[in-house]
N, C-alpha and C. Protein backbone atom coordinates (compact mmCIF):
# COMPACT_ATOMS: atom_id res chain seq x y z
N MET A 1 17.54 87.45 -40.08
CA MET A 1 17.49 87.78 -41.50
C MET A 1 16.03 87.81 -41.96
N THR A 2 15.63 88.86 -42.62
CA THR A 2 14.24 88.96 -43.07
C THR A 2 14.16 88.68 -44.56
N ALA A 3 13.03 88.14 -44.95
CA ALA A 3 12.82 87.83 -46.37
C ALA A 3 12.63 89.13 -47.14
N ASN A 4 13.07 89.12 -48.36
CA ASN A 4 12.84 90.27 -49.24
C ASN A 4 11.34 90.41 -49.45
N PRO A 5 10.76 91.58 -49.09
CA PRO A 5 9.31 91.72 -49.25
C PRO A 5 8.84 91.54 -50.68
N ALA A 6 9.75 91.72 -51.65
CA ALA A 6 9.36 91.56 -53.06
C ALA A 6 9.26 90.08 -53.44
N THR A 7 9.83 89.21 -52.59
CA THR A 7 9.80 87.78 -52.88
C THR A 7 8.61 87.16 -52.17
N PRO A 8 7.60 86.71 -52.91
CA PRO A 8 6.42 86.15 -52.25
C PRO A 8 6.76 84.84 -51.54
N HIS A 9 6.10 84.60 -50.43
CA HIS A 9 6.33 83.37 -49.69
C HIS A 9 5.65 82.21 -50.42
N ILE A 10 6.40 81.16 -50.62
CA ILE A 10 5.85 79.95 -51.24
C ILE A 10 5.81 78.87 -50.16
N ALA A 11 4.65 78.31 -49.92
CA ALA A 11 4.52 77.24 -48.92
C ALA A 11 5.42 76.07 -49.32
N GLU A 12 5.98 75.41 -48.29
CA GLU A 12 6.89 74.29 -48.54
C GLU A 12 6.23 73.23 -49.43
N GLU A 13 4.96 72.94 -49.19
CA GLU A 13 4.25 71.93 -49.97
C GLU A 13 4.19 72.33 -51.45
N ASP A 14 3.97 73.62 -51.70
CA ASP A 14 3.91 74.09 -53.09
C ASP A 14 5.29 74.05 -53.74
N ARG A 15 6.33 74.36 -52.97
CA ARG A 15 7.68 74.29 -53.51
C ARG A 15 8.02 72.85 -53.91
N LEU A 16 7.61 71.90 -53.07
CA LEU A 16 7.84 70.49 -53.38
C LEU A 16 7.07 70.05 -54.62
N ARG A 17 5.83 70.54 -54.75
CA ARG A 17 5.04 70.24 -55.96
C ARG A 17 5.76 70.77 -57.19
N ALA A 18 6.20 72.02 -57.11
CA ALA A 18 6.88 72.64 -58.26
C ALA A 18 8.16 71.88 -58.58
N ASP A 19 8.89 71.46 -57.53
CA ASP A 19 10.14 70.71 -57.76
C ASP A 19 9.87 69.42 -58.51
N LEU A 20 8.78 68.73 -58.14
CA LEU A 20 8.48 67.46 -58.81
C LEU A 20 8.04 67.69 -60.26
N TYR A 21 7.25 68.73 -60.49
CA TYR A 21 6.89 69.08 -61.87
C TYR A 21 8.15 69.37 -62.69
N ASN A 22 9.05 70.18 -62.12
CA ASN A 22 10.27 70.55 -62.85
C ASN A 22 11.16 69.34 -63.10
N TYR A 23 11.25 68.47 -62.11
CA TYR A 23 12.07 67.26 -62.23
C TYR A 23 11.54 66.37 -63.36
N LEU A 24 10.24 66.15 -63.38
CA LEU A 24 9.64 65.36 -64.46
C LEU A 24 9.89 66.04 -65.81
N GLY A 25 9.77 67.37 -65.84
CA GLY A 25 10.02 68.11 -67.08
C GLY A 25 11.43 67.90 -67.60
N VAL A 26 12.40 67.93 -66.69
CA VAL A 26 13.80 67.74 -67.08
C VAL A 26 14.02 66.32 -67.60
N LEU A 27 13.49 65.32 -66.89
CA LEU A 27 13.66 63.92 -67.30
C LEU A 27 13.01 63.63 -68.65
N LEU A 28 11.93 64.34 -68.95
CA LEU A 28 11.19 64.07 -70.18
C LEU A 28 11.63 64.94 -71.36
N SER A 29 12.50 65.92 -71.09
CA SER A 29 12.95 66.79 -72.17
C SER A 29 14.22 66.28 -72.84
N ALA A 30 15.01 65.50 -72.10
CA ALA A 30 16.27 64.97 -72.63
C ALA A 30 16.72 63.83 -71.73
N PRO A 31 17.56 62.91 -72.24
CA PRO A 31 18.03 61.84 -71.38
C PRO A 31 18.89 62.39 -70.24
N PRO A 32 18.76 61.86 -69.03
CA PRO A 32 19.53 62.39 -67.90
C PRO A 32 21.02 62.10 -68.07
N ASP A 33 21.84 63.08 -67.67
CA ASP A 33 23.29 62.88 -67.71
C ASP A 33 23.74 62.21 -66.39
N GLU A 34 25.03 62.03 -66.27
CA GLU A 34 25.57 61.33 -65.10
C GLU A 34 25.19 62.04 -63.80
N MET A 35 25.24 63.38 -63.81
CA MET A 35 24.93 64.14 -62.60
C MET A 35 23.46 63.95 -62.20
N LEU A 36 22.55 64.03 -63.17
CA LEU A 36 21.12 63.88 -62.85
C LEU A 36 20.82 62.45 -62.41
N LEU A 37 21.47 61.46 -63.02
CA LEU A 37 21.29 60.08 -62.58
C LEU A 37 21.77 59.92 -61.13
N ALA A 38 22.91 60.55 -60.80
CA ALA A 38 23.43 60.45 -59.43
C ALA A 38 22.48 61.13 -58.44
N GLN A 39 21.95 62.29 -58.83
CA GLN A 39 20.98 62.98 -57.96
C GLN A 39 19.73 62.12 -57.78
N THR A 40 19.28 61.49 -58.85
CA THR A 40 18.10 60.63 -58.78
C THR A 40 18.36 59.42 -57.89
N ALA A 41 19.57 58.86 -57.99
CA ALA A 41 19.93 57.71 -57.17
C ALA A 41 19.91 58.05 -55.67
N GLY A 42 20.07 59.33 -55.36
CA GLY A 42 20.08 59.77 -53.96
C GLY A 42 18.70 60.08 -53.40
N LEU A 43 17.66 59.98 -54.23
CA LEU A 43 16.31 60.28 -53.75
C LEU A 43 15.79 59.16 -52.86
N SER A 44 14.90 59.51 -51.93
CA SER A 44 14.22 58.48 -51.15
C SER A 44 12.80 58.97 -50.88
N GLY A 45 11.88 58.03 -50.86
CA GLY A 45 10.48 58.39 -50.66
C GLY A 45 9.93 57.79 -49.38
N ASP A 46 8.73 58.22 -49.01
CA ASP A 46 8.08 57.67 -47.82
C ASP A 46 7.38 56.35 -48.17
N GLU A 47 6.50 55.90 -47.28
CA GLU A 47 5.85 54.59 -47.48
C GLU A 47 4.63 54.65 -48.39
N GLY A 48 4.20 55.85 -48.77
CA GLY A 48 3.04 55.97 -49.65
C GLY A 48 3.37 55.50 -51.06
N PRO A 49 2.35 55.33 -51.90
CA PRO A 49 2.58 54.85 -53.27
C PRO A 49 3.56 55.72 -54.05
N LEU A 50 3.42 57.06 -53.95
CA LEU A 50 4.33 57.94 -54.68
C LEU A 50 5.74 57.82 -54.12
N GLY A 51 5.87 57.77 -52.80
CA GLY A 51 7.18 57.61 -52.17
C GLY A 51 7.85 56.32 -52.59
N GLN A 52 7.08 55.24 -52.66
CA GLN A 52 7.63 53.96 -53.08
C GLN A 52 8.07 54.00 -54.54
N ALA A 53 7.29 54.70 -55.38
CA ALA A 53 7.67 54.83 -56.79
C ALA A 53 8.97 55.62 -56.94
N ILE A 54 9.15 56.66 -56.10
CA ILE A 54 10.39 57.45 -56.13
C ILE A 54 11.56 56.59 -55.69
N THR A 55 11.36 55.76 -54.66
CA THR A 55 12.42 54.85 -54.20
C THR A 55 12.80 53.86 -55.30
N THR A 56 11.80 53.33 -56.02
CA THR A 56 12.08 52.41 -57.14
C THR A 56 12.87 53.12 -58.23
N LEU A 57 12.51 54.36 -58.53
CA LEU A 57 13.23 55.14 -59.54
C LEU A 57 14.67 55.37 -59.10
N ALA A 58 14.87 55.67 -57.81
CA ALA A 58 16.23 55.88 -57.29
C ALA A 58 17.07 54.61 -57.45
N ARG A 59 16.47 53.46 -57.13
CA ARG A 59 17.20 52.19 -57.29
C ARG A 59 17.57 51.96 -58.75
N MET A 60 16.65 52.28 -59.65
CA MET A 60 16.91 52.10 -61.08
C MET A 60 18.05 53.03 -61.53
N ALA A 61 18.05 54.26 -61.02
CA ALA A 61 19.09 55.22 -61.40
C ALA A 61 20.48 54.75 -60.98
N LYS A 62 20.54 54.04 -59.85
CA LYS A 62 21.85 53.54 -59.35
C LYS A 62 22.50 52.58 -60.33
N VAL A 63 21.70 51.85 -61.10
CA VAL A 63 22.26 50.83 -61.99
C VAL A 63 22.13 51.23 -63.47
N THR A 64 21.82 52.49 -63.73
CA THR A 64 21.63 52.96 -65.11
C THR A 64 22.82 53.81 -65.54
N LYS A 65 23.32 53.56 -66.72
CA LYS A 65 24.44 54.34 -67.28
C LYS A 65 23.88 55.37 -68.27
N PRO A 66 24.52 56.54 -68.36
CA PRO A 66 24.03 57.58 -69.29
C PRO A 66 23.84 57.08 -70.71
N LYS A 67 24.74 56.22 -71.20
CA LYS A 67 24.65 55.75 -72.58
C LYS A 67 23.38 54.91 -72.78
N SER A 68 23.08 54.04 -71.81
CA SER A 68 21.91 53.16 -71.98
C SER A 68 20.61 53.95 -71.87
N VAL A 69 20.57 54.96 -70.99
CA VAL A 69 19.34 55.74 -70.84
C VAL A 69 19.15 56.67 -72.04
N GLU A 70 20.25 57.09 -72.66
CA GLU A 70 20.13 57.89 -73.89
C GLU A 70 19.51 57.05 -75.01
N SER A 71 19.97 55.81 -75.13
CA SER A 71 19.41 54.90 -76.13
C SER A 71 17.92 54.65 -75.86
N GLU A 72 17.59 54.45 -74.59
CA GLU A 72 16.18 54.23 -74.21
C GLU A 72 15.33 55.44 -74.53
N PHE A 73 15.82 56.63 -74.20
CA PHE A 73 15.09 57.88 -74.47
C PHE A 73 14.81 58.01 -75.97
N ASN A 74 15.84 57.73 -76.77
CA ASN A 74 15.67 57.86 -78.23
C ASN A 74 14.64 56.88 -78.77
N LYS A 75 14.66 55.65 -78.27
CA LYS A 75 13.67 54.67 -78.73
C LYS A 75 12.26 55.06 -78.31
N LEU A 76 12.14 55.60 -77.12
CA LEU A 76 10.81 55.97 -76.62
C LEU A 76 10.24 57.20 -77.33
N PHE A 77 11.08 58.23 -77.49
CA PHE A 77 10.54 59.53 -77.88
C PHE A 77 11.00 60.05 -79.24
N ILE A 78 12.04 59.45 -79.83
CA ILE A 78 12.55 59.99 -81.09
C ILE A 78 12.46 58.94 -82.18
N GLY A 79 13.21 57.84 -82.04
CA GLY A 79 13.10 56.72 -82.98
C GLY A 79 13.46 57.10 -84.40
N LEU A 80 13.35 56.13 -85.29
CA LEU A 80 13.56 56.38 -86.73
C LEU A 80 12.21 56.81 -87.30
N GLY A 81 12.07 58.09 -87.53
CA GLY A 81 10.77 58.60 -87.98
C GLY A 81 9.94 59.06 -86.80
N ARG A 82 9.72 58.17 -85.82
CA ARG A 82 9.01 58.55 -84.61
C ARG A 82 9.33 57.53 -83.53
N GLY A 83 9.22 57.94 -82.28
CA GLY A 83 9.49 57.04 -81.18
C GLY A 83 8.27 56.18 -80.87
N GLU A 84 8.44 55.34 -79.85
CA GLU A 84 7.34 54.47 -79.44
C GLU A 84 6.15 55.31 -78.93
N LEU A 85 6.44 56.42 -78.27
CA LEU A 85 5.39 57.29 -77.73
C LEU A 85 5.49 58.68 -78.36
N LEU A 86 4.34 59.31 -78.57
CA LEU A 86 4.31 60.71 -79.03
C LEU A 86 3.77 61.54 -77.87
N PRO A 87 4.66 62.21 -77.12
CA PRO A 87 4.26 62.85 -75.86
C PRO A 87 3.65 64.24 -76.03
N TYR A 88 2.61 64.35 -76.86
CA TYR A 88 2.00 65.65 -77.15
C TYR A 88 0.50 65.61 -76.85
N ALA A 89 0.00 66.68 -76.26
CA ALA A 89 -1.43 66.76 -75.96
C ALA A 89 -2.26 66.59 -77.22
N SER A 90 -1.88 67.27 -78.30
CA SER A 90 -2.66 67.19 -79.54
C SER A 90 -2.82 65.76 -80.00
N TYR A 91 -1.72 64.99 -79.94
CA TYR A 91 -1.77 63.61 -80.41
C TYR A 91 -2.67 62.77 -79.50
N TYR A 92 -2.52 62.94 -78.19
CA TYR A 92 -3.32 62.14 -77.26
C TYR A 92 -4.81 62.48 -77.34
N LEU A 93 -5.11 63.74 -77.60
CA LEU A 93 -6.52 64.17 -77.57
C LEU A 93 -7.20 64.11 -78.94
N THR A 94 -6.43 64.16 -80.03
CA THR A 94 -7.07 64.18 -81.36
C THR A 94 -6.53 63.10 -82.30
N GLY A 95 -5.37 62.50 -81.95
CA GLY A 95 -4.75 61.53 -82.85
C GLY A 95 -3.83 62.16 -83.87
N PHE A 96 -3.69 63.49 -83.83
CA PHE A 96 -2.83 64.21 -84.78
C PHE A 96 -1.98 65.23 -84.02
N LEU A 97 -0.83 65.58 -84.61
CA LEU A 97 0.03 66.61 -84.02
C LEU A 97 -0.43 68.00 -84.46
N ASN A 98 -0.06 69.01 -83.66
CA ASN A 98 -0.29 70.42 -83.99
C ASN A 98 -1.76 70.73 -84.25
N GLU A 99 -2.63 70.17 -83.42
CA GLU A 99 -4.07 70.38 -83.59
C GLU A 99 -4.59 71.42 -82.60
N LYS A 100 -5.92 71.49 -82.45
CA LYS A 100 -6.57 72.50 -81.63
C LYS A 100 -6.03 72.59 -80.19
N PRO A 101 -5.71 71.45 -79.52
CA PRO A 101 -5.17 71.59 -78.16
C PRO A 101 -3.93 72.47 -78.09
N LEU A 102 -3.09 72.43 -79.14
CA LEU A 102 -1.90 73.28 -79.16
C LEU A 102 -2.29 74.75 -79.28
N ALA A 103 -3.27 75.05 -80.12
CA ALA A 103 -3.73 76.45 -80.27
C ALA A 103 -4.30 76.98 -78.96
N ILE A 104 -5.08 76.14 -78.27
CA ILE A 104 -5.66 76.55 -76.98
C ILE A 104 -4.56 76.78 -75.96
N LEU A 105 -3.55 75.90 -75.95
CA LEU A 105 -2.42 76.06 -75.02
C LEU A 105 -1.70 77.38 -75.28
N ARG A 106 -1.47 77.70 -76.56
CA ARG A 106 -0.76 78.95 -76.88
C ARG A 106 -1.55 80.16 -76.39
N GLN A 107 -2.89 80.09 -76.46
CA GLN A 107 -3.71 81.19 -75.93
C GLN A 107 -3.53 81.30 -74.41
N ASP A 108 -3.56 80.15 -73.72
CA ASP A 108 -3.38 80.15 -72.26
C ASP A 108 -2.00 80.66 -71.89
N MET A 109 -0.98 80.24 -72.63
CA MET A 109 0.38 80.68 -72.35
C MET A 109 0.50 82.19 -72.48
N SER A 110 -0.09 82.73 -73.53
CA SER A 110 -0.05 84.17 -73.75
C SER A 110 -0.73 84.92 -72.60
N ARG A 111 -1.88 84.39 -72.18
CA ARG A 111 -2.62 85.04 -71.10
C ARG A 111 -1.85 85.00 -69.78
N LEU A 112 -1.09 83.91 -69.56
CA LEU A 112 -0.37 83.72 -68.29
C LEU A 112 1.05 84.27 -68.33
N GLY A 113 1.46 84.81 -69.47
CA GLY A 113 2.82 85.35 -69.58
C GLY A 113 3.89 84.28 -69.72
N LEU A 114 3.50 83.11 -70.22
CA LEU A 114 4.46 82.02 -70.45
C LEU A 114 4.89 82.04 -71.91
N ALA A 115 6.17 81.82 -72.15
CA ALA A 115 6.67 81.82 -73.53
C ALA A 115 7.62 80.66 -73.74
N ARG A 116 7.65 80.13 -74.95
CA ARG A 116 8.58 79.05 -75.29
C ARG A 116 9.99 79.63 -75.39
N ALA A 117 10.97 78.91 -74.83
CA ALA A 117 12.37 79.35 -74.92
C ALA A 117 12.81 79.33 -76.38
N ASP A 118 13.68 80.27 -76.73
CA ASP A 118 14.16 80.37 -78.11
C ASP A 118 14.91 79.11 -78.56
N THR A 119 15.47 78.39 -77.58
CA THR A 119 16.27 77.20 -77.91
C THR A 119 15.42 75.94 -78.06
N VAL A 120 14.12 76.06 -77.80
CA VAL A 120 13.22 74.90 -77.87
C VAL A 120 12.43 74.94 -79.17
N PHE A 121 12.47 73.85 -79.91
CA PHE A 121 11.79 73.82 -81.21
C PHE A 121 10.61 72.84 -81.24
N GLU A 122 10.42 72.11 -80.13
CA GLU A 122 9.29 71.19 -80.03
C GLU A 122 7.99 71.98 -79.91
N PRO A 123 6.86 71.44 -80.37
CA PRO A 123 5.58 72.08 -80.08
C PRO A 123 5.38 72.22 -78.56
N GLU A 124 4.74 73.30 -78.15
CA GLU A 124 4.63 73.60 -76.73
C GLU A 124 3.78 72.59 -75.97
N ASP A 125 2.97 71.79 -76.67
CA ASP A 125 2.09 70.88 -75.94
C ASP A 125 2.74 69.54 -75.63
N ASN A 126 4.09 69.47 -75.65
CA ASN A 126 4.73 68.23 -75.24
C ASN A 126 4.77 68.15 -73.71
N ILE A 127 4.81 66.93 -73.20
CA ILE A 127 4.65 66.69 -71.77
C ILE A 127 5.74 67.39 -70.94
N ALA A 128 6.98 67.41 -71.45
CA ALA A 128 8.06 68.05 -70.69
C ALA A 128 7.78 69.54 -70.49
N SER A 129 7.37 70.22 -71.56
CA SER A 129 7.08 71.65 -71.46
C SER A 129 5.93 71.93 -70.50
N LEU A 130 4.90 71.10 -70.56
CA LEU A 130 3.74 71.32 -69.69
C LEU A 130 4.09 71.10 -68.22
N MET A 131 4.94 70.12 -67.93
CA MET A 131 5.40 69.92 -66.54
C MET A 131 6.17 71.16 -66.07
N GLU A 132 7.05 71.67 -66.92
CA GLU A 132 7.85 72.84 -66.55
C GLU A 132 6.97 74.09 -66.40
N MET A 133 5.97 74.23 -67.26
CA MET A 133 5.05 75.38 -67.14
C MET A 133 4.30 75.33 -65.82
N MET A 134 3.84 74.15 -65.45
CA MET A 134 3.09 74.02 -64.20
C MET A 134 3.99 74.36 -63.01
N GLY A 135 5.23 73.88 -63.03
CA GLY A 135 6.17 74.23 -61.97
C GLY A 135 6.41 75.73 -61.90
N ALA A 136 6.52 76.35 -63.08
CA ALA A 136 6.75 77.80 -63.14
C ALA A 136 5.57 78.58 -62.58
N LEU A 137 4.35 78.14 -62.88
CA LEU A 137 3.16 78.83 -62.38
C LEU A 137 3.10 78.77 -60.84
N ILE A 138 3.45 77.62 -60.27
CA ILE A 138 3.34 77.44 -58.82
C ILE A 138 4.26 78.39 -58.07
N VAL A 139 5.51 78.54 -58.55
CA VAL A 139 6.47 79.37 -57.81
C VAL A 139 6.62 80.77 -58.41
N GLY A 140 5.93 81.05 -59.52
CA GLY A 140 5.99 82.38 -60.11
C GLY A 140 7.31 82.68 -60.80
N ARG A 141 7.83 81.72 -61.53
CA ARG A 141 9.13 81.93 -62.18
C ARG A 141 9.07 83.06 -63.20
N PHE A 142 7.89 83.33 -63.79
CA PHE A 142 7.77 84.39 -64.79
C PHE A 142 6.94 85.56 -64.29
N GLY A 143 6.87 85.70 -62.98
CA GLY A 143 6.07 86.77 -62.39
C GLY A 143 5.67 86.36 -60.98
N THR A 144 4.47 86.73 -60.57
CA THR A 144 4.02 86.32 -59.25
C THR A 144 3.47 84.90 -59.31
N PRO A 145 3.57 84.14 -58.20
CA PRO A 145 3.01 82.79 -58.20
C PRO A 145 1.53 82.82 -58.55
N ALA A 146 1.10 81.86 -59.35
CA ALA A 146 -0.30 81.81 -59.75
C ALA A 146 -1.16 81.35 -58.57
N PRO A 147 -2.30 81.99 -58.34
CA PRO A 147 -3.19 81.50 -57.27
C PRO A 147 -3.66 80.08 -57.59
N LEU A 148 -4.11 79.40 -56.57
CA LEU A 148 -4.52 78.00 -56.73
C LEU A 148 -5.59 77.86 -57.82
N SER A 149 -6.50 78.82 -57.91
CA SER A 149 -7.56 78.73 -58.91
C SER A 149 -6.98 78.75 -60.33
N ALA A 150 -5.95 79.57 -60.55
CA ALA A 150 -5.32 79.64 -61.88
C ALA A 150 -4.53 78.37 -62.17
N GLN A 151 -3.85 77.84 -61.14
CA GLN A 151 -3.14 76.56 -61.29
C GLN A 151 -4.14 75.46 -61.67
N ARG A 152 -5.27 75.45 -60.96
CA ARG A 152 -6.29 74.42 -61.21
C ARG A 152 -6.84 74.53 -62.63
N ASP A 153 -7.12 75.75 -63.08
CA ASP A 153 -7.66 75.94 -64.43
C ASP A 153 -6.67 75.44 -65.48
N PHE A 154 -5.39 75.80 -65.32
CA PHE A 154 -4.38 75.39 -66.29
C PHE A 154 -4.23 73.87 -66.28
N PHE A 155 -4.17 73.30 -65.10
CA PHE A 155 -4.03 71.84 -64.97
C PHE A 155 -5.21 71.13 -65.61
N ASN A 156 -6.41 71.59 -65.30
CA ASN A 156 -7.62 70.92 -65.80
C ASN A 156 -7.77 71.04 -67.31
N ARG A 157 -7.30 72.16 -67.87
CA ARG A 157 -7.43 72.37 -69.32
C ARG A 157 -6.31 71.67 -70.10
N GLN A 158 -5.08 71.77 -69.57
CA GLN A 158 -3.93 71.39 -70.39
C GLN A 158 -3.28 70.07 -70.01
N ILE A 159 -3.46 69.62 -68.78
CA ILE A 159 -2.71 68.45 -68.30
C ILE A 159 -3.63 67.29 -67.95
N ALA A 160 -4.66 67.54 -67.17
CA ALA A 160 -5.53 66.46 -66.67
C ALA A 160 -6.14 65.60 -67.78
N PRO A 161 -6.56 66.18 -68.94
CA PRO A 161 -7.24 65.34 -69.93
C PRO A 161 -6.37 64.23 -70.54
N TRP A 162 -5.03 64.32 -70.39
CA TRP A 162 -4.22 63.33 -71.13
C TRP A 162 -2.95 62.88 -70.43
N ALA A 163 -2.42 63.65 -69.48
CA ALA A 163 -1.10 63.32 -68.91
C ALA A 163 -1.10 61.97 -68.20
N GLY A 164 -2.19 61.67 -67.50
CA GLY A 164 -2.27 60.37 -66.82
C GLY A 164 -2.18 59.22 -67.80
N HIS A 165 -2.83 59.37 -68.96
CA HIS A 165 -2.78 58.33 -70.00
C HIS A 165 -1.35 58.19 -70.53
N PHE A 166 -0.69 59.34 -70.74
CA PHE A 166 0.69 59.30 -71.23
C PHE A 166 1.59 58.57 -70.23
N PHE A 167 1.49 58.92 -68.94
CA PHE A 167 2.37 58.30 -67.95
C PHE A 167 2.08 56.80 -67.81
N THR A 168 0.81 56.41 -67.94
CA THR A 168 0.46 54.99 -67.92
C THR A 168 1.10 54.28 -69.11
N ASP A 169 1.05 54.90 -70.28
CA ASP A 169 1.70 54.33 -71.47
C ASP A 169 3.21 54.23 -71.28
N LEU A 170 3.80 55.24 -70.63
CA LEU A 170 5.25 55.24 -70.39
C LEU A 170 5.63 54.09 -69.45
N GLU A 171 4.81 53.84 -68.44
CA GLU A 171 5.07 52.72 -67.52
C GLU A 171 5.15 51.40 -68.28
N ALA A 172 4.26 51.23 -69.26
CA ALA A 172 4.10 49.94 -69.93
C ALA A 172 4.82 49.85 -71.27
N ALA A 173 5.49 50.91 -71.68
CA ALA A 173 6.11 50.93 -73.01
C ALA A 173 7.15 49.82 -73.15
N LYS A 174 7.22 49.26 -74.34
CA LYS A 174 8.14 48.15 -74.62
C LYS A 174 9.59 48.54 -74.32
N ASN A 175 9.95 49.77 -74.62
CA ASN A 175 11.34 50.21 -74.43
C ASN A 175 11.60 50.86 -73.07
N SER A 176 10.60 50.92 -72.20
CA SER A 176 10.79 51.57 -70.89
C SER A 176 11.52 50.65 -69.93
N VAL A 177 12.64 51.11 -69.42
CA VAL A 177 13.37 50.43 -68.35
C VAL A 177 13.54 51.46 -67.23
N PHE A 178 14.47 52.41 -67.40
CA PHE A 178 14.59 53.52 -66.47
C PHE A 178 13.29 54.34 -66.45
N TYR A 179 12.67 54.49 -67.62
CA TYR A 179 11.49 55.36 -67.71
C TYR A 179 10.20 54.71 -67.21
N ALA A 180 10.21 53.40 -66.95
CA ALA A 180 9.01 52.77 -66.39
C ALA A 180 8.66 53.36 -65.02
N PRO A 181 9.61 53.44 -64.07
CA PRO A 181 9.27 54.09 -62.79
C PRO A 181 9.05 55.60 -62.92
N VAL A 182 9.65 56.23 -63.94
CA VAL A 182 9.32 57.65 -64.19
C VAL A 182 7.82 57.75 -64.51
N GLY A 183 7.34 56.81 -65.34
CA GLY A 183 5.91 56.77 -65.66
C GLY A 183 5.05 56.57 -64.43
N THR A 184 5.50 55.69 -63.51
CA THR A 184 4.74 55.45 -62.28
C THR A 184 4.68 56.71 -61.43
N VAL A 185 5.83 57.36 -61.25
CA VAL A 185 5.87 58.60 -60.47
C VAL A 185 4.93 59.64 -61.09
N GLY A 186 5.01 59.81 -62.41
CA GLY A 186 4.16 60.79 -63.08
C GLY A 186 2.68 60.47 -62.93
N ARG A 187 2.33 59.20 -63.14
CA ARG A 187 0.91 58.81 -63.04
C ARG A 187 0.36 59.07 -61.64
N LEU A 188 1.12 58.66 -60.61
CA LEU A 188 0.65 58.85 -59.23
C LEU A 188 0.58 60.33 -58.87
N PHE A 189 1.55 61.10 -59.33
CA PHE A 189 1.56 62.54 -59.06
C PHE A 189 0.35 63.21 -59.72
N MET A 190 0.03 62.82 -60.96
CA MET A 190 -1.13 63.40 -61.63
C MET A 190 -2.42 63.05 -60.87
N GLU A 191 -2.50 61.84 -60.32
CA GLU A 191 -3.68 61.45 -59.53
C GLU A 191 -3.80 62.31 -58.27
N ILE A 192 -2.67 62.55 -57.60
CA ILE A 192 -2.66 63.37 -56.38
C ILE A 192 -3.07 64.80 -56.71
N GLU A 193 -2.51 65.35 -57.78
CA GLU A 193 -2.84 66.72 -58.18
C GLU A 193 -4.31 66.83 -58.58
N THR A 194 -4.82 65.86 -59.32
CA THR A 194 -6.22 65.88 -59.73
C THR A 194 -7.13 65.91 -58.51
N GLU A 195 -6.83 65.06 -57.54
CA GLU A 195 -7.65 65.00 -56.32
C GLU A 195 -7.50 66.28 -55.51
N GLY A 196 -6.28 66.79 -55.40
CA GLY A 196 -6.05 68.02 -54.65
C GLY A 196 -6.80 69.20 -55.24
N PHE A 197 -6.77 69.33 -56.56
CA PHE A 197 -7.49 70.42 -57.21
C PHE A 197 -9.01 70.22 -57.11
N ARG A 198 -9.44 68.97 -57.18
CA ARG A 198 -10.88 68.70 -57.04
C ARG A 198 -11.37 69.15 -55.66
N MET A 199 -10.60 68.83 -54.63
CA MET A 199 -10.98 69.20 -53.27
C MET A 199 -10.91 70.71 -53.06
N SER A 200 -9.93 71.35 -53.72
CA SER A 200 -9.77 72.80 -53.54
C SER A 200 -10.90 73.56 -54.23
N GLY A 201 -11.55 72.91 -55.20
CA GLY A 201 -12.62 73.58 -55.93
C GLY A 201 -13.99 73.41 -55.31
N THR A 202 -14.08 72.64 -54.23
CA THR A 202 -15.39 72.41 -53.62
C THR A 202 -15.67 73.42 -52.53
């Protein structure tokens, strides 16, 4: 069986990177349902720090019920008026929502052919959307896969300046239980991506 020549080949490593970006995006966009918790419980990692964090998250998923994680998600990200964390680039970089980082992101999205889904009403600079955008760029969900240089530029402009801080805050948040290891996975993944892009640019 031959591959469709119109379908570009994606290296296994890049597919795994995109999968992890997408997975984080899904977990951060809404509380996981029973199926996603079961899938998470089935994950296993290697002996490295990221692998160990994934194994810890899987163990947590095994003992987490959808109702409790929904309550946790609401306390962390929604709350009465606002949640414990505000997962937006504008807030992390300027202290205010809907600021210049959001305008710059919208310019980058337009240039890269990325668009907000009609069903999404959150500002585009929230962490879940940025994780999903990065995953989309890697595998070319909205066109051809982005070359490494374009991935690096987007990551360095839109994600690197603040995502690590957000994931560190998520690890330590008062209301984080299931989401504490999500924060660890995110923080370690951002460190790996930062180093990988740094090496690719030399």
